[in-house]
Amino acid sequence: MALRPTRSLPLPGEVICTSAARSTSVERYHDVVRELTVDHSHAKHAALASGDTYMVGSLARLKLWGDRVTGRAREAMEKLFRAASRTT
């Protein structure tokens, strides 16, 4: 899950997208994500409203928006995902 970039990758967007092709505005975040507390942690935990877990961060952005990466960064990304697919 990641924000859809407005122009290029470093810029955040205003639409939340999942790898299951679901999109929603950031204003409707709580319709997509359920935040909860657990006894053993002070940090909030979160899951999709469906109950599924999700990944965020740089790898999630590359999986969703990697087609926008160019140059040496593209070469590195392709090498990374090729290596990852051989180990799974």
PDB file of N, CA and C in Angstrom:
ATOM      1  N   MET A   1       0.849  -1.156   0.000  1.00  0.00           N
ATOM      2  CA  MET A   1       0.000   0.000   0.000  1.00  0.00           C
ATOM      3  C   MET A   1       0.897   1.222   0.000  1.00  0.00           C
ATOM      4  N   ALA A   2       0.572   2.198  -0.835  1.00  0.00           N
ATOM      5  CA  ALA A   2       1.372   3.411  -0.933  1.00  0.00           C
ATOM      6  C   ALA A   2       0.510   4.529  -1.508  1.00  0.00           C
ATOM      7  N   LEU A   3       0.974   5.748  -1.306  1.00  0.00           N
ATOM      8  CA  LEU A   3       0.311   6.881  -1.933  1.00  0.00           C
ATOM      9  C   LEU A   3       0.702   6.933  -3.404  1.00  0.00           C
ATOM     10  N   ARG A   4      -0.259   7.197  -4.271  1.00  0.00           N
ATOM     11  CA  ARG A   4       0.036   7.366  -5.691  1.00  0.00           C
ATOM     12  C   ARG A   4       0.780   8.689  -5.860  1.00  0.00           C
ATOM     13  N   PRO A   5       1.987   8.659  -6.432  1.00  0.00           N
ATOM     14  CA  PRO A   5       2.738   9.906  -6.599  1.00  0.00           C
ATOM     15  C   PRO A   5       2.032  10.839  -7.582  1.00  0.00           C
ATOM     16  N   THR A   6       2.172  12.136  -7.338  1.00  0.00           N
ATOM     17  CA  THR A   6       1.524  13.106  -8.214  1.00  0.00           C
ATOM     18  C   THR A   6       2.281  13.277  -9.521  1.00  0.00           C
ATOM     19  N   ARG A   7       3.626  13.318  -9.472  1.00  0.00           N
ATOM     20  CA  ARG A   7       4.421  13.467 -10.696  1.00  0.00           C
ATOM     21  C   ARG A   7       5.551  12.447 -10.746  1.00  0.00           C
ATOM     22  N   SER A   8       6.445  12.498  -9.789  1.00  0.00           N
ATOM     23  CA  SER A   8       7.554  11.559  -9.772  1.00  0.00           C
ATOM     24  C   SER A   8       7.663  10.950  -8.382  1.00  0.00           C
ATOM     25  N   LEU A   9       8.419   9.895  -8.251  1.00  0.00           N
ATOM     26  CA  LEU A   9       8.421   9.100  -7.035  1.00  0.00           C
ATOM     27  C   LEU A   9       8.644   9.832  -5.712  1.00  0.00           C
ATOM     28  N   PRO A  10       9.539  10.805  -5.605  1.00  0.00           N
ATOM     29  CA  PRO A  10       9.725  11.375  -4.270  1.00  0.00           C
ATOM     30  C   PRO A  10       8.525  12.175  -3.759  1.00  0.00           C
ATOM     31  N   LEU A  11       7.639  12.557  -4.642  1.00  0.00           N
ATOM     32  CA  LEU A  11       6.520  13.400  -4.229  1.00  0.00           C
ATOM     33  C   LEU A  11       5.358  12.552  -3.733  1.00  0.00           C
ATOM     34  N   PRO A  12       4.834  12.851  -2.540  1.00  0.00           N
ATOM     35  CA  PRO A  12       3.675  12.095  -2.052  1.00  0.00           C
ATOM     36  C   PRO A  12       2.416  12.481  -2.832  1.00  0.00           C
ATOM     37  N   GLY A  13       1.455  11.630  -2.768  1.00  0.00           N
ATOM     38  CA  GLY A  13       0.204  11.899  -3.456  1.00  0.00           C
ATOM     39  C   GLY A  13      -0.941  12.039  -2.479  1.00  0.00           C
ATOM     40  N   GLU A  14      -2.141  12.005  -3.003  1.00  0.00           N
ATOM     41  CA  GLU A  14      -3.336  12.157  -2.179  1.00  0.00           C
ATOM     42  C   GLU A  14      -4.283  10.982  -2.328  1.00  0.00           C
ATOM     43  N   VAL A  15      -3.816   9.903  -2.983  1.00  0.00           N
ATOM     44  CA  VAL A  15      -4.636   8.721  -3.184  1.00  0.00           C
ATOM     45  C   VAL A  15      -3.876   7.503  -2.654  1.00  0.00           C
ATOM     46  N   ILE A  16      -4.526   6.716  -1.807  1.00  0.00           N
ATOM     47  CA  ILE A  16      -3.951   5.492  -1.276  1.00  0.00           C
ATOM     48  C   ILE A  16      -4.251   4.371  -2.272  1.00  0.00           C
ATOM     49  N   CYS A  17      -3.223   3.602  -2.648  1.00  0.00           N
ATOM     50  CA  CYS A  17      -3.400   2.503  -3.589  1.00  0.00           C
ATOM     51  C   CYS A  17      -2.859   1.212  -2.984  1.00  0.00           C
ATOM     52  N   THR A  18      -3.522   0.118  -3.298  1.00  0.00           N
ATOM     53  CA  THR A  18      -3.053  -1.193  -2.845  1.00  0.00           C
ATOM     54  C   THR A  18      -2.685  -2.036  -4.062  1.00  0.00           C
ATOM     55  N   SER A  19      -1.926  -3.082  -3.824  1.00  0.00           N
ATOM     56  CA  SER A  19      -1.549  -3.978  -4.921  1.00  0.00           C
ATOM     57  C   SER A  19      -2.756  -4.728  -5.467  1.00  0.00           C
ATOM     58  N   ALA A  20      -3.860  -4.726  -4.736  1.00  0.00           N
ATOM     59  CA  ALA A  20      -5.105  -5.342  -5.220  1.00  0.00           C
ATOM     60  C   ALA A  20      -5.912  -4.366  -6.068  1.00  0.00           C
ATOM     61  N   ALA A  21      -5.279  -3.274  -6.474  1.00  0.00           N
ATOM     62  CA  ALA A  21      -5.873  -2.263  -7.360  1.00  0.00           C
ATOM     63  C   ALA A  21      -7.000  -1.466  -6.705  1.00  0.00           C
ATOM     64  N   ARG A  22      -7.018  -1.387  -5.401  1.00  0.00           N
ATOM     65  CA  ARG A  22      -8.001  -0.547  -4.729  1.00  0.00           C
ATOM     66  C   ARG A  22      -7.396   0.834  -4.495  1.00  0.00           C
ATOM     67  N   SER A  23      -8.138   1.876  -4.785  1.00  0.00           N
ATOM     68  CA  SER A  23      -7.685   3.247  -4.585  1.00  0.00           C
ATOM     69  C   SER A  23      -8.720   4.001  -3.774  1.00  0.00           C
ATOM     70  N   THR A  24      -8.236   4.871  -2.901  1.00  0.00           N
ATOM     71  CA  THR A  24      -9.134   5.718  -2.122  1.00  0.00           C
ATOM     72  C   THR A  24      -8.385   6.972  -1.705  1.00  0.00           C
ATOM     73  N   SER A  25      -9.101   8.041  -1.460  1.00  0.00           N
ATOM     74  CA  SER A  25      -8.461   9.294  -1.057  1.00  0.00           C
ATOM     75  C   SER A  25      -7.918   9.173   0.367  1.00  0.00           C
ATOM     76  N   VAL A  26      -6.898   9.971   0.671  1.00  0.00           N
ATOM     77  CA  VAL A  26      -6.323   9.925   2.017  1.00  0.00           C
ATOM     78  C   VAL A  26      -7.354  10.321   3.068  1.00  0.00           C
ATOM     79  N   GLU A  27      -8.328  11.113   2.701  1.00  0.00           N
ATOM     80  CA  GLU A  27      -9.376  11.500   3.639  1.00  0.00           C
ATOM     81  C   GLU A  27     -10.205  10.294   4.091  1.00  0.00           C
ATOM     82  N   ARG A  28     -10.214   9.224   3.285  1.00  0.00           N
ATOM     83  CA  ARG A  28     -10.994   8.019   3.603  1.00  0.00           C
ATOM     84  C   ARG A  28     -10.100   6.892   4.121  1.00  0.00           C
ATOM     85  N   TYR A  29      -8.938   7.264   4.655  1.00  0.00           N
ATOM     86  CA  TYR A  29      -7.962   6.317   5.194  1.00  0.00           C
ATOM     87  C   TYR A  29      -8.605   5.300   6.133  1.00  0.00           C
ATOM     88  N   HIS A  30      -9.459   5.768   7.040  1.00  0.00           N
ATOM     89  CA  HIS A  30     -10.072   4.870   8.027  1.00  0.00           C
ATOM     90  C   HIS A  30     -11.125   3.935   7.417  1.00  0.00           C
ATOM     91  N   ASP A  31     -11.514   4.159   6.175  1.00  0.00           N
ATOM     92  CA  ASP A  31     -12.379   3.206   5.486  1.00  0.00           C
ATOM     93  C   ASP A  31     -11.566   2.008   4.971  1.00  0.00           C
ATOM     94  N   VAL A  32     -10.269   2.223   4.765  1.00  0.00           N
ATOM     95  CA  VAL A  32      -9.389   1.203   4.210  1.00  0.00           C
ATOM     96  C   VAL A  32      -8.578   0.507   5.295  1.00  0.00           C
ATOM     97  N   VAL A  33      -8.143   1.280   6.288  1.00  0.00           N
ATOM     98  CA  VAL A  33      -7.244   0.779   7.323  1.00  0.00           C
ATOM     99  C   VAL A  33      -7.919   0.846   8.686  1.00  0.00           C
ATOM    100  N   ARG A  34      -7.781  -0.210   9.437  1.00  0.00           N
ATOM    101  CA  ARG A  34      -8.265  -0.244  10.822  1.00  0.00           C
ATOM    102  C   ARG A  34      -7.067  -0.188  11.748  1.00  0.00           C
ATOM    103  N   GLU A  35      -7.021   0.801  12.610  1.00  0.00           N
ATOM    104  CA  GLU A  35      -5.960   0.914  13.602  1.00  0.00           C
ATOM    105  C   GLU A  35      -6.468   0.325  14.912  1.00  0.00           C
ATOM    106  N   LEU A  36      -5.595  -0.387  15.607  1.00  0.00           N
ATOM    107  CA  LEU A  36      -5.994  -0.991  16.868  1.00  0.00           C
ATOM    108  C   LEU A  36      -4.837  -0.967  17.846  1.00  0.00           C
ATOM    109  N   THR A  37      -5.165  -1.092  19.104  1.00  0.00           N
ATOM    110  CA  THR A  37      -4.139  -1.175  20.129  1.00  0.00           C
ATOM    111  C   THR A  37      -4.058  -2.617  20.615  1.00  0.00           C
ATOM    112  N   VAL A  38      -2.889  -2.970  21.088  1.00  0.00           N
ATOM    113  CA  VAL A  38      -2.681  -4.305  21.646  1.00  0.00           C
ATOM    114  C   VAL A  38      -2.025  -4.150  23.009  1.00  0.00           C
ATOM    115  N   ASP A  39      -2.251  -5.103  23.882  1.00  0.00           N
ATOM    116  CA  ASP A  39      -1.759  -5.002  25.256  1.00  0.00           C
ATOM    117  C   ASP A  39      -0.244  -4.923  25.358  1.00  0.00           C
ATOM    118  N   HIS A  40       0.473  -5.586  24.476  1.00  0.00           N
ATOM    119  CA  HIS A  40       1.916  -5.688  24.619  1.00  0.00           C
ATOM    120  C   HIS A  40       2.703  -4.554  23.962  1.00  0.00           C
ATOM    121  N   SER A  41       2.031  -3.504  23.444  1.00  0.00           N
ATOM    122  CA  SER A  41       2.741  -2.445  22.734  1.00  0.00           C
ATOM    123  C   SER A  41       2.064  -1.095  22.916  1.00  0.00           C
ATOM    124  N   HIS A  42       2.882  -0.051  22.917  1.00  0.00           N
ATOM    125  CA  HIS A  42       2.339   1.309  22.945  1.00  0.00           C
ATOM    126  C   HIS A  42       2.065   1.816  21.531  1.00  0.00           C
ATOM    127  N   ALA A  43       2.636   1.138  20.540  1.00  0.00           N
ATOM    128  CA  ALA A  43       2.435   1.529  19.148  1.00  0.00           C
ATOM    129  C   ALA A  43       1.099   0.990  18.646  1.00  0.00           C
ATOM    130  N   LYS A  44       0.460   1.758  17.777  1.00  0.00           N
ATOM    131  CA  LYS A  44      -0.762   1.270  17.146  1.00  0.00           C
ATOM    132  C   LYS A  44      -0.410   0.191  16.133  1.00  0.00           C
ATOM    133  N   HIS A  45      -1.267  -0.773  15.989  1.00  0.00           N
ATOM    134  CA  HIS A  45      -1.154  -1.776  14.947  1.00  0.00           C
ATOM    135  C   HIS A  45      -2.226  -1.465  13.916  1.00  0.00           C
ATOM    136  N   ALA A  46      -2.015  -1.928  12.706  1.00  0.00           N
ATOM    137  CA  ALA A  46      -2.984  -1.635  11.652  1.00  0.00           C
ATOM    138  C   ALA A  46      -3.119  -2.823  10.715  1.00  0.00           C
ATOM    139  N   ALA A  47      -4.275  -2.920  10.102  1.00  0.00           N
ATOM    140  CA  ALA A  47      -4.555  -3.930   9.079  1.00  0.00           C
ATOM    141  C   ALA A  47      -5.564  -3.314   8.121  1.00  0.00           C
ATOM    142  N   LEU A  48      -5.660  -3.890   6.946  1.00  0.00           N
ATOM    143  CA  LEU A  48      -6.693  -3.440   6.027  1.00  0.00           C
ATOM    144  C   LEU A  48      -8.053  -3.748   6.638  1.00  0.00           C
ATOM    145  N   ALA A  49      -9.044  -3.023   6.260  1.00  0.00           N
ATOM    146  CA  ALA A  49     -10.391  -3.246   6.784  1.00  0.00           C
ATOM    147  C   ALA A  49     -10.845  -4.685   6.530  1.00  0.00           C
ATOM    148  N   SER A  50     -10.316  -5.296   5.501  1.00  0.00           N
ATOM    149  CA  SER A  50     -10.645  -6.690   5.190  1.00  0.00           C
ATOM    150  C   SER A  50     -10.007  -7.661   6.178  1.00  0.00           C
ATOM    151  N   GLY A  51      -9.063  -7.164   6.987  1.00  0.00           N
ATOM    152  CA  GLY A  51      -8.346  -8.010   7.927  1.00  0.00           C
ATOM    153  C   GLY A  51      -6.976  -8.431   7.429  1.00  0.00           C
ATOM    154  N   ASP A  52      -6.700  -8.215   6.149  1.00  0.00           N
ATOM    155  CA  ASP A  52      -5.403  -8.565   5.575  1.00  0.00           C
ATOM    156  C   ASP A  52      -4.320  -7.605   6.060  1.00  0.00           C
ATOM    157  N   THR A  53      -3.107  -8.107   6.165  1.00  0.00           N
ATOM    158  CA  THR A  53      -1.978  -7.245   6.494  1.00  0.00           C
ATOM    159  C   THR A  53      -1.468  -6.589   5.221  1.00  0.00           C
ATOM    160  N   TYR A  54      -0.618  -5.597   5.367  1.00  0.00           N
ATOM    161  CA  TYR A  54      -0.087  -4.903   4.206  1.00  0.00           C
ATOM    162  C   TYR A  54       1.317  -4.410   4.496  1.00  0.00           C
ATOM    163  N   MET A  55       2.037  -4.072   3.441  1.00  0.00           N
ATOM    164  CA  MET A  55       3.383  -3.560   3.541  1.00  0.00           C
ATOM    165  C   MET A  55       3.380  -2.105   3.071  1.00  0.00           C
ATOM    166  N   VAL A  56       4.136  -1.277   3.751  1.00  0.00           N
ATOM    167  CA  VAL A  56       4.313   0.112   3.335  1.00  0.00           C
ATOM    168  C   VAL A  56       5.810   0.397   3.275  1.00  0.00           C
ATOM    169  N   GLY A  57       6.170   1.537   2.761  1.00  0.00           N
ATOM    170  CA  GLY A  57       7.576   1.919   2.716  1.00  0.00           C
ATOM    171  C   GLY A  57       8.135   1.856   1.313  1.00  0.00           C
ATOM    172  N   SER A  58       9.450   1.904   1.234  1.00  0.00           N
ATOM    173  CA  SER A  58      10.107   2.018  -0.068  1.00  0.00           C
ATOM    174  C   SER A  58       9.847   0.807  -0.963  1.00  0.00           C
ATOM    175  N   LEU A  59       9.853  -0.406  -0.420  1.00  0.00           N
ATOM    176  CA  LEU A  59       9.598  -1.577  -1.269  1.00  0.00           C
ATOM    177  C   LEU A  59       8.174  -1.596  -1.802  1.00  0.00           C
ATOM    178  N   ALA A  60       7.227  -1.187  -0.980  1.00  0.00           N
ATOM    179  CA  ALA A  60       5.839  -1.119  -1.455  1.00  0.00           C
ATOM    180  C   ALA A  60       5.712  -0.095  -2.576  1.00  0.00           C
ATOM    181  N   ARG A  61       6.363   1.057  -2.428  1.00  0.00           N
ATOM    182  CA  ARG A  61       6.305   2.078  -3.484  1.00  0.00           C
ATOM    183  C   ARG A  61       6.941   1.573  -4.771  1.00  0.00           C
ATOM    184  N   LEU A  62       8.065   0.853  -4.648  1.00  0.00           N
ATOM    185  CA  LEU A  62       8.701   0.313  -5.855  1.00  0.00           C
ATOM    186  C   LEU A  62       7.822  -0.736  -6.526  1.00  0.00           C
ATOM    187  N   LYS A  63       7.188  -1.585  -5.746  1.00  0.00           N
ATOM    188  CA  LYS A  63       6.306  -2.593  -6.340  1.00  0.00           C
ATOM    189  C   LYS A  63       5.137  -1.945  -7.075  1.00  0.00           C
ATOM    190  N   LEU A  64       4.574  -0.879  -6.500  1.00  0.00           N
ATOM    191  CA  LEU A  64       3.417  -0.223  -7.120  1.00  0.00           C
ATOM    192  C   LEU A  64       3.804   0.754  -8.226  1.00  0.00           C
ATOM    193  N   TRP A  65       4.887   1.505  -8.034  1.00  0.00           N
ATOM    194  CA  TRP A  65       5.216   2.601  -8.947  1.00  0.00           C
ATOM    195  C   TRP A  65       6.588   2.460  -9.584  1.00  0.00           C
ATOM    196  N   GLY A  66       7.144   1.270  -9.566  1.00  0.00           N
ATOM    197  CA  GLY A  66       8.476   1.043 -10.110  1.00  0.00           C
ATOM    198  C   GLY A  66       8.607   1.364 -11.585  1.00  0.00           C
ATOM    199  N   ASP A  67       7.507   1.366 -12.306  1.00  0.00           N
ATOM    200  CA  ASP A  67       7.576   1.700 -13.730  1.00  0.00           C
ATOM    201  C   ASP A  67       7.997   3.148 -13.961  1.00  0.00           C
ATOM    202  N   ARG A  68       7.983   3.961 -12.920  1.00  0.00           N
ATOM    203  CA  ARG A  68       8.375   5.367 -13.047  1.00  0.00           C
ATOM    204  C   ARG A  68       9.853   5.602 -12.759  1.00  0.00           C
ATOM    205  N   VAL A  69      10.550   4.570 -12.314  1.00  0.00           N
ATOM    206  CA  VAL A  69      11.969   4.684 -11.989  1.00  0.00           C
ATOM    207  C   VAL A  69      12.784   4.583 -13.271  1.00  0.00           C
ATOM    208  N   THR A  70      13.827   5.415 -13.392  1.00  0.00           N
ATOM    209  CA  THR A  70      14.652   5.415 -14.595  1.00  0.00           C
ATOM    210  C   THR A  70      16.137   5.335 -14.240  1.00  0.00           C
ATOM    211  N   GLY A  71      16.958   5.144 -15.263  1.00  0.00           N
ATOM    212  CA  GLY A  71      18.410   5.207 -15.118  1.00  0.00           C
ATOM    213  C   GLY A  71      18.991   4.110 -14.246  1.00  0.00           C
ATOM    214  N   ARG A  72      20.018   4.477 -13.487  1.00  0.00           N
ATOM    215  CA  ARG A  72      20.707   3.515 -12.636  1.00  0.00           C
ATOM    216  C   ARG A  72      19.795   2.971 -11.544  1.00  0.00           C
ATOM    217  N   ALA A  73      18.871   3.790 -11.080  1.00  0.00           N
ATOM    218  CA  ALA A  73      17.926   3.325 -10.061  1.00  0.00           C
ATOM    219  C   ALA A  73      17.063   2.192 -10.625  1.00  0.00           C
ATOM    220  N   ARG A  74      16.676   2.294 -11.882  1.00  0.00           N
ATOM    221  CA  ARG A  74      15.875   1.234 -12.527  1.00  0.00           C
ATOM    222  C   ARG A  74      16.682  -0.061 -12.618  1.00  0.00           C
ATOM    223  N   GLU A  75      17.952   0.061 -13.004  1.00  0.00           N
ATOM    224  CA  GLU A  75      18.810  -1.124 -13.097  1.00  0.00           C
ATOM    225  C   GLU A  75      18.920  -1.805 -11.727  1.00  0.00           C
ATOM    226  N   ALA A  76      19.120  -1.022 -10.684  1.00  0.00           N
ATOM    227  CA  ALA A  76      19.234  -1.578  -9.329  1.00  0.00           C
ATOM    228  C   ALA A  76      17.925  -2.232  -8.895  1.00  0.00           C
ATOM    229  N   MET A  77      16.810  -1.589  -9.199  1.00  0.00           N
ATOM    230  CA  MET A  77      15.504  -2.134  -8.822  1.00  0.00           C
ATOM    231  C   MET A  77      15.251  -3.472  -9.526  1.00  0.00           C
ATOM    232  N   GLU A  78      15.552  -3.537 -10.812  1.00  0.00           N
ATOM    233  CA  GLU A  78      15.343  -4.780 -11.552  1.00  0.00           C
ATOM    234  C   GLU A  78      16.217  -5.898 -10.992  1.00  0.00           C
ATOM    235  N   LYS A  79      17.462  -5.568 -10.642  1.00  0.00           N
ATOM    236  CA  LYS A  79      18.359  -6.561 -10.060  1.00  0.00           C
ATOM    237  C   LYS A  79      17.831  -7.018  -8.697  1.00  0.00           C
ATOM    238  N   LEU A  80      17.342  -6.101  -7.898  1.00  0.00           N
ATOM    239  CA  LEU A  80      16.810  -6.429  -6.574  1.00  0.00           C
ATOM    240  C   LEU A  80      15.615  -7.374  -6.678  1.00  0.00           C
ATOM    241  N   PHE A  81      14.655  -7.044  -7.528  1.00  0.00           N
ATOM    242  CA  PHE A  81      13.450  -7.873  -7.615  1.00  0.00           C
ATOM    243  C   PHE A  81      13.727  -9.199  -8.309  1.00  0.00           C
ATOM    244  N   ARG A  82      14.700  -9.240  -9.217  1.00  0.00           N
ATOM    245  CA  ARG A  82      15.083 -10.507  -9.850  1.00  0.00           C
ATOM    246  C   ARG A  82      15.696 -11.429  -8.790  1.00  0.00           C
ATOM    247  N   ALA A  83      16.565 -10.881  -7.939  1.00  0.00           N
ATOM    248  CA  ALA A  83      17.190 -11.671  -6.881  1.00  0.00           C
ATOM    249  C   ALA A  83      16.154 -12.132  -5.863  1.00  0.00           C
ATOM    250  N   ALA A  84      15.212 -11.275  -5.529  1.00  0.00           N
ATOM    251  CA  ALA A  84      14.179 -11.622  -4.543  1.00  0.00           C
ATOM    252  C   ALA A  84      13.278 -12.730  -5.073  1.00  0.00           C
ATOM    253  N   SER A  85      12.978 -12.722  -6.357  1.00  0.00           N
ATOM    254  CA  SER A  85      12.090 -13.758  -6.903  1.00  0.00           C
ATOM    255  C   SER A  85      12.779 -15.115  -6.936  1.00  0.00           C
ATOM    256  N   ARG A  86      14.105 -15.151  -6.977  1.00  0.00           N
ATOM    257  CA  ARG A  86      14.817 -16.436  -6.966  1.00  0.00           C
ATOM    258  C   ARG A  86      14.832 -17.050  -5.560  1.00  0.00           C
ATOM    259  N   THR A  87      14.679 -16.225  -4.515  1.00  0.00           N
ATOM    260  CA  THR A  87      14.745 -16.751  -3.144  1.00  0.00           C
ATOM    261  C   THR A  87      13.388 -17.136  -2.580  1.00  0.00           C
ATOM    262  N   THR A  88      12.320 -16.781  -3.265  1.00  0.00           N
ATOM    263  CA  THR A  88      10.987 -17.110  -2.748  1.00  0.00           C
ATOM    264  C   THR A  88      10.362 -18.261  -3.486  1.00  0.00           C
TER     265      THR A  88
END
